[in-house]
Amino acid sequence: MQPSQAPVIVDARGLMPPEPLNLTLEALDVLPPDGEVILLLYREPTPLYDVLRRNGYAHRTEIRDGGEFAVHIRHAARV
């Protein structure tokens, strides 16, 4: 059994749209099947959620201390 890969961190705090979306999509383009991207932002990226769903990704968003958002993105499980 191989150890899981470290997640790819996309630190988009302080960046203006559409740069966070562009960086996230670039990271997802090369995401291995068992990989994870963590997007860090100071605001919730609500428009991103539909883009992720339509392209076969699942996400979980956590709100950290100080109002920072961490969006954990993985390939959606296929049923």
N, C-alpha and C. Protein backbone atom coordinates (compact mmCIF):
# COMPACT_ATOMS: atom_id res chain seq x y z
N MET A 1 0.85 -1.19 0.00
CA MET A 1 0.00 0.00 0.00
C MET A 1 0.88 1.24 0.00
N GLN A 2 0.62 2.17 -0.92
CA GLN A 2 1.40 3.38 -1.00
C GLN A 2 0.85 4.42 -0.04
N PRO A 3 1.75 5.23 0.54
CA PRO A 3 1.25 6.32 1.38
C PRO A 3 0.51 7.33 0.50
N SER A 4 -0.51 7.96 1.06
CA SER A 4 -1.27 8.94 0.27
C SER A 4 -0.40 10.16 0.01
N GLN A 5 -0.65 10.78 -1.12
CA GLN A 5 0.09 11.97 -1.50
C GLN A 5 -0.32 13.14 -0.63
N ALA A 6 0.62 14.06 -0.46
CA ALA A 6 0.29 15.30 0.24
C ALA A 6 -0.67 16.10 -0.64
N PRO A 7 -1.62 16.79 -0.04
CA PRO A 7 -2.54 17.60 -0.86
C PRO A 7 -1.81 18.75 -1.55
N VAL A 8 -2.36 19.17 -2.67
CA VAL A 8 -1.86 20.35 -3.37
C VAL A 8 -2.55 21.55 -2.75
N ILE A 9 -1.77 22.50 -2.26
CA ILE A 9 -2.33 23.70 -1.63
C ILE A 9 -2.36 24.83 -2.66
N VAL A 10 -3.53 25.41 -2.85
CA VAL A 10 -3.68 26.60 -3.69
C VAL A 10 -4.02 27.73 -2.74
N ASP A 11 -3.02 28.56 -2.45
CA ASP A 11 -3.20 29.67 -1.52
C ASP A 11 -3.62 30.90 -2.32
N ALA A 12 -4.92 31.12 -2.38
CA ALA A 12 -5.47 32.22 -3.16
C ALA A 12 -5.92 33.37 -2.26
N ARG A 13 -5.50 33.35 -1.02
CA ARG A 13 -5.87 34.45 -0.13
C ARG A 13 -5.29 35.75 -0.66
N GLY A 14 -6.14 36.73 -0.79
CA GLY A 14 -5.69 38.04 -1.24
C GLY A 14 -5.67 38.21 -2.75
N LEU A 15 -5.94 37.16 -3.50
CA LEU A 15 -5.98 37.28 -4.96
C LEU A 15 -7.37 37.71 -5.41
N MET A 16 -7.40 38.41 -6.51
CA MET A 16 -8.67 38.89 -7.06
C MET A 16 -9.18 37.91 -8.11
N PRO A 17 -10.51 37.78 -8.22
CA PRO A 17 -11.08 36.93 -9.27
C PRO A 17 -10.62 37.44 -10.64
N PRO A 18 -10.41 36.56 -11.57
CA PRO A 18 -10.67 35.12 -11.56
C PRO A 18 -9.45 34.28 -11.20
N GLU A 19 -8.40 34.90 -10.66
CA GLU A 19 -7.15 34.18 -10.39
C GLU A 19 -7.33 32.95 -9.49
N PRO A 20 -8.10 33.02 -8.39
CA PRO A 20 -8.28 31.81 -7.57
C PRO A 20 -8.91 30.65 -8.36
N LEU A 21 -9.90 30.95 -9.18
CA LEU A 21 -10.54 29.93 -10.01
C LEU A 21 -9.55 29.35 -11.01
N ASN A 22 -8.80 30.21 -11.67
CA ASN A 22 -7.82 29.75 -12.66
C ASN A 22 -6.77 28.85 -12.03
N LEU A 23 -6.24 29.25 -10.87
CA LEU A 23 -5.22 28.44 -10.19
C LEU A 23 -5.79 27.09 -9.76
N THR A 24 -7.03 27.11 -9.29
CA THR A 24 -7.67 25.87 -8.85
C THR A 24 -7.88 24.92 -10.02
N LEU A 25 -8.38 25.44 -11.13
CA LEU A 25 -8.61 24.59 -12.31
C LEU A 25 -7.31 24.03 -12.85
N GLU A 26 -6.24 24.81 -12.81
CA GLU A 26 -4.94 24.31 -13.25
C GLU A 26 -4.48 23.16 -12.36
N ALA A 27 -4.67 23.29 -11.05
CA ALA A 27 -4.28 22.22 -10.13
C ALA A 27 -5.13 20.97 -10.35
N LEU A 28 -6.42 21.16 -10.63
CA LEU A 28 -7.31 20.02 -10.86
C LEU A 28 -6.99 19.29 -12.16
N ASP A 29 -6.47 20.01 -13.14
CA ASP A 29 -6.11 19.38 -14.42
C ASP A 29 -5.08 18.27 -14.26
N VAL A 30 -4.24 18.36 -13.25
CA VAL A 30 -3.17 17.35 -13.06
C VAL A 30 -3.37 16.54 -11.78
N LEU A 31 -4.55 16.65 -11.18
CA LEU A 31 -4.83 15.94 -9.93
C LEU A 31 -4.95 14.44 -10.16
N PRO A 32 -4.13 13.62 -9.48
CA PRO A 32 -4.26 12.18 -9.63
C PRO A 32 -5.59 11.69 -9.04
N PRO A 33 -6.03 10.50 -9.42
CA PRO A 33 -7.33 9.99 -8.98
C PRO A 33 -7.54 10.01 -7.46
N ASP A 34 -6.50 9.80 -6.69
CA ASP A 34 -6.64 9.78 -5.22
C ASP A 34 -6.12 11.05 -4.57
N GLY A 35 -5.89 12.09 -5.38
CA GLY A 35 -5.31 13.32 -4.86
C GLY A 35 -6.35 14.28 -4.30
N GLU A 36 -5.84 15.34 -3.70
CA GLU A 36 -6.70 16.37 -3.12
C GLU A 36 -6.07 17.73 -3.33
N VAL A 37 -6.91 18.70 -3.66
CA VAL A 37 -6.50 20.10 -3.73
C VAL A 37 -7.18 20.80 -2.57
N ILE A 38 -6.43 21.64 -1.87
CA ILE A 38 -7.00 22.47 -0.81
C ILE A 38 -6.85 23.92 -1.24
N LEU A 39 -7.98 24.58 -1.42
CA LEU A 39 -8.02 25.98 -1.82
C LEU A 39 -8.23 26.83 -0.58
N LEU A 40 -7.33 27.79 -0.36
CA LEU A 40 -7.42 28.68 0.79
C LEU A 40 -7.86 30.06 0.32
N LEU A 41 -8.91 30.58 0.96
CA LEU A 41 -9.48 31.88 0.59
C LEU A 41 -9.97 32.61 1.82
N TYR A 42 -10.18 33.92 1.66
CA TYR A 42 -10.79 34.73 2.72
C TYR A 42 -12.29 34.88 2.54
N ARG A 43 -12.84 34.31 1.46
CA ARG A 43 -14.29 34.35 1.25
C ARG A 43 -14.72 33.02 0.65
N GLU A 44 -15.98 32.68 0.84
CA GLU A 44 -16.47 31.40 0.34
C GLU A 44 -16.65 31.49 -1.18
N PRO A 45 -16.08 30.53 -1.93
CA PRO A 45 -16.14 30.58 -3.39
C PRO A 45 -17.39 29.90 -3.95
N THR A 46 -18.54 30.41 -3.61
CA THR A 46 -19.81 29.79 -3.97
C THR A 46 -19.93 29.47 -5.47
N PRO A 47 -19.52 30.36 -6.39
CA PRO A 47 -19.63 30.01 -7.81
C PRO A 47 -18.78 28.79 -8.21
N LEU A 48 -17.72 28.54 -7.48
CA LEU A 48 -16.85 27.40 -7.78
C LEU A 48 -17.56 26.07 -7.58
N TYR A 49 -18.46 26.00 -6.63
CA TYR A 49 -19.08 24.72 -6.28
C TYR A 49 -19.82 24.09 -7.46
N ASP A 50 -20.53 24.89 -8.24
CA ASP A 50 -21.24 24.35 -9.40
C ASP A 50 -20.25 23.89 -10.47
N VAL A 51 -19.18 24.64 -10.66
CA VAL A 51 -18.14 24.26 -11.63
C VAL A 51 -17.55 22.91 -11.23
N LEU A 52 -17.28 22.73 -9.95
CA LEU A 52 -16.72 21.46 -9.48
C LEU A 52 -17.69 20.31 -9.72
N ARG A 53 -18.93 20.50 -9.35
CA ARG A 53 -19.94 19.45 -9.50
C ARG A 53 -20.09 19.04 -10.97
N ARG A 54 -20.17 20.03 -11.85
CA ARG A 54 -20.35 19.74 -13.28
C ARG A 54 -19.15 19.02 -13.89
N ASN A 55 -18.00 19.15 -13.26
CA ASN A 55 -16.78 18.54 -13.80
C ASN A 55 -16.31 17.31 -13.04
N GLY A 56 -17.19 16.76 -12.18
CA GLY A 56 -16.88 15.49 -11.54
C GLY A 56 -16.04 15.56 -10.29
N TYR A 57 -16.13 16.67 -9.56
CA TYR A 57 -15.39 16.81 -8.32
C TYR A 57 -16.33 16.96 -7.13
N ALA A 58 -15.87 16.49 -5.99
CA ALA A 58 -16.59 16.67 -4.73
C ALA A 58 -15.79 17.64 -3.88
N HIS A 59 -16.46 18.34 -3.00
CA HIS A 59 -15.75 19.29 -2.14
C HIS A 59 -16.33 19.28 -0.74
N ARG A 60 -15.50 19.72 0.17
CA ARG A 60 -15.90 19.93 1.57
C ARG A 60 -15.25 21.24 1.99
N THR A 61 -16.07 22.14 2.51
CA THR A 61 -15.57 23.46 2.89
C THR A 61 -15.54 23.58 4.40
N GLU A 62 -14.42 24.04 4.91
CA GLU A 62 -14.33 24.30 6.35
C GLU A 62 -14.03 25.78 6.56
N ILE A 63 -14.63 26.33 7.60
CA ILE A 63 -14.36 27.71 7.97
C ILE A 63 -13.41 27.67 9.16
N ARG A 64 -12.27 28.27 8.97
CA ARG A 64 -11.24 28.25 10.02
C ARG A 64 -11.33 29.52 10.85
N ASP A 65 -10.59 29.52 11.95
CA ASP A 65 -10.52 30.72 12.79
C ASP A 65 -10.11 31.92 11.95
N GLY A 66 -10.72 33.04 12.22
CA GLY A 66 -10.41 34.25 11.47
C GLY A 66 -11.19 34.39 10.18
N GLY A 67 -12.13 33.47 9.92
CA GLY A 67 -12.97 33.58 8.74
C GLY A 67 -12.35 33.08 7.46
N GLU A 68 -11.24 32.37 7.56
CA GLU A 68 -10.60 31.81 6.37
C GLU A 68 -11.34 30.54 5.94
N PHE A 69 -11.47 30.35 4.64
CA PHE A 69 -12.13 29.16 4.08
C PHE A 69 -11.08 28.23 3.51
N ALA A 70 -11.24 26.95 3.78
CA ALA A 70 -10.40 25.90 3.18
C ALA A 70 -11.34 24.95 2.46
N VAL A 71 -11.22 24.91 1.14
CA VAL A 71 -12.08 24.05 0.33
C VAL A 71 -11.26 22.83 -0.09
N HIS A 72 -11.67 21.67 0.39
CA HIS A 72 -11.00 20.40 0.08
C HIS A 72 -11.69 19.79 -1.13
N ILE A 73 -10.92 19.58 -2.21
CA ILE A 73 -11.50 19.13 -3.47
C ILE A 73 -10.86 17.80 -3.88
N ARG A 74 -11.73 16.85 -4.25
CA ARG A 74 -11.28 15.53 -4.71
C ARG A 74 -12.15 15.10 -5.89
N HIS A 75 -11.68 14.10 -6.61
CA HIS A 75 -12.54 13.51 -7.64
C HIS A 75 -13.75 12.90 -6.94
N ALA A 76 -14.93 13.10 -7.53
CA ALA A 76 -16.15 12.53 -6.94
C ALA A 76 -16.10 11.00 -7.09
N ALA A 77 -16.64 10.32 -6.11
CA ALA A 77 -16.72 8.85 -6.17
C ALA A 77 -17.69 8.47 -7.28
N ARG A 78 -17.30 7.49 -8.05
CA ARG A 78 -18.18 7.01 -9.12
C ARG A 78 -19.00 5.87 -8.60
N VAL A 79 -20.30 5.96 -8.85
CA VAL A 79 -21.22 4.92 -8.36
C VAL A 79 -21.62 4.01 -9.51
